[in-house]
Protein backbone atom coordinates (compact mmCIF):
# COMPACT_ATOMS: atom_id res chain seq x y z
CA UNK A 1 142.78 88.34 78.72
CA UNK A 2 139.15 88.55 78.66
CA UNK A 3 136.89 90.13 81.13
CA UNK A 4 133.91 88.21 82.90
CA UNK A 5 130.81 90.41 82.05
CA UNK A 6 129.11 89.55 85.39
CA UNK A 7 131.94 90.23 88.00
CA UNK A 8 134.66 91.90 85.99
CA UNK A 9 137.39 89.11 86.76
CA UNK A 10 140.09 88.86 84.02
CA UNK A 11 140.18 85.40 82.58
CA UNK A 12 141.98 83.31 80.11
CA UNK A 13 139.94 82.44 77.04
CA UNK A 14 141.77 79.33 76.41
CA UNK A 15 141.31 78.02 80.01
CA UNK A 16 137.68 78.76 80.07
CA UNK A 17 136.19 77.31 76.81
CA UNK A 18 133.56 75.30 78.54
CA UNK A 19 132.21 78.44 80.34
CA UNK A 20 131.01 80.44 77.54
CA UNK A 21 127.72 81.88 76.22
CA UNK A 22 127.15 83.23 72.87
CA UNK A 23 124.49 86.33 72.80
CA UNK A 24 123.72 88.42 69.75
CA UNK A 25 126.72 87.01 67.64
CA UNK A 26 129.21 87.59 70.44
CA UNK A 27 130.86 85.02 72.85
CA UNK A 28 131.04 85.88 76.41
CA UNK A 29 133.45 84.03 78.88
CA UNK A 30 133.04 83.34 82.49
CA UNK A 31 135.10 82.73 85.63
CA UNK A 32 132.54 80.37 87.21
CA UNK A 33 129.34 78.35 86.67
CA UNK A 34 127.60 81.04 88.88
CA UNK A 35 128.49 83.98 86.53
CA UNK A 36 127.63 81.99 83.52
CA UNK A 37 124.18 81.11 84.98
CA UNK A 38 123.55 84.93 86.02
CA UNK A 39 124.41 86.00 82.52
CA UNK A 40 122.22 83.29 80.86
CA UNK A 41 119.24 84.13 82.84
CA UNK A 42 119.34 87.86 82.07
CA UNK A 43 122.11 88.78 79.41
CA UNK A 44 120.93 92.34 78.66
CA UNK A 45 121.73 93.19 82.14
CA UNK A 46 125.32 92.47 81.55
CA UNK A 47 125.83 93.74 77.90
CA UNK A 48 124.73 97.29 78.31
CA UNK A 49 121.21 96.86 76.95
CA UNK A 50 119.50 97.36 80.26
CA UNK A 51 120.20 99.88 83.25
CA UNK A 52 117.52 98.54 85.54
CA UNK A 53 120.06 97.32 88.25
CA UNK A 54 123.78 97.72 88.73
CA UNK A 55 125.88 94.68 87.93
CA UNK A 56 126.71 92.41 91.11
CA UNK A 57 129.03 89.79 91.62
CA UNK A 58 127.86 86.18 92.01
CA UNK A 59 130.98 84.34 93.03
């Protein structure tokens, strides 16, 4: 099981292959299009590269 970096939901990599993004040579998986969009808009917020704001759930 993988963890959505935006909301923290556990997800199955095999069932969400369409909802993924690659960032800095790593693949991230998402539970919803909303979480994927939030990540794509500001990936550093969800990868620990920025501490400007706390992570928030989008779904």
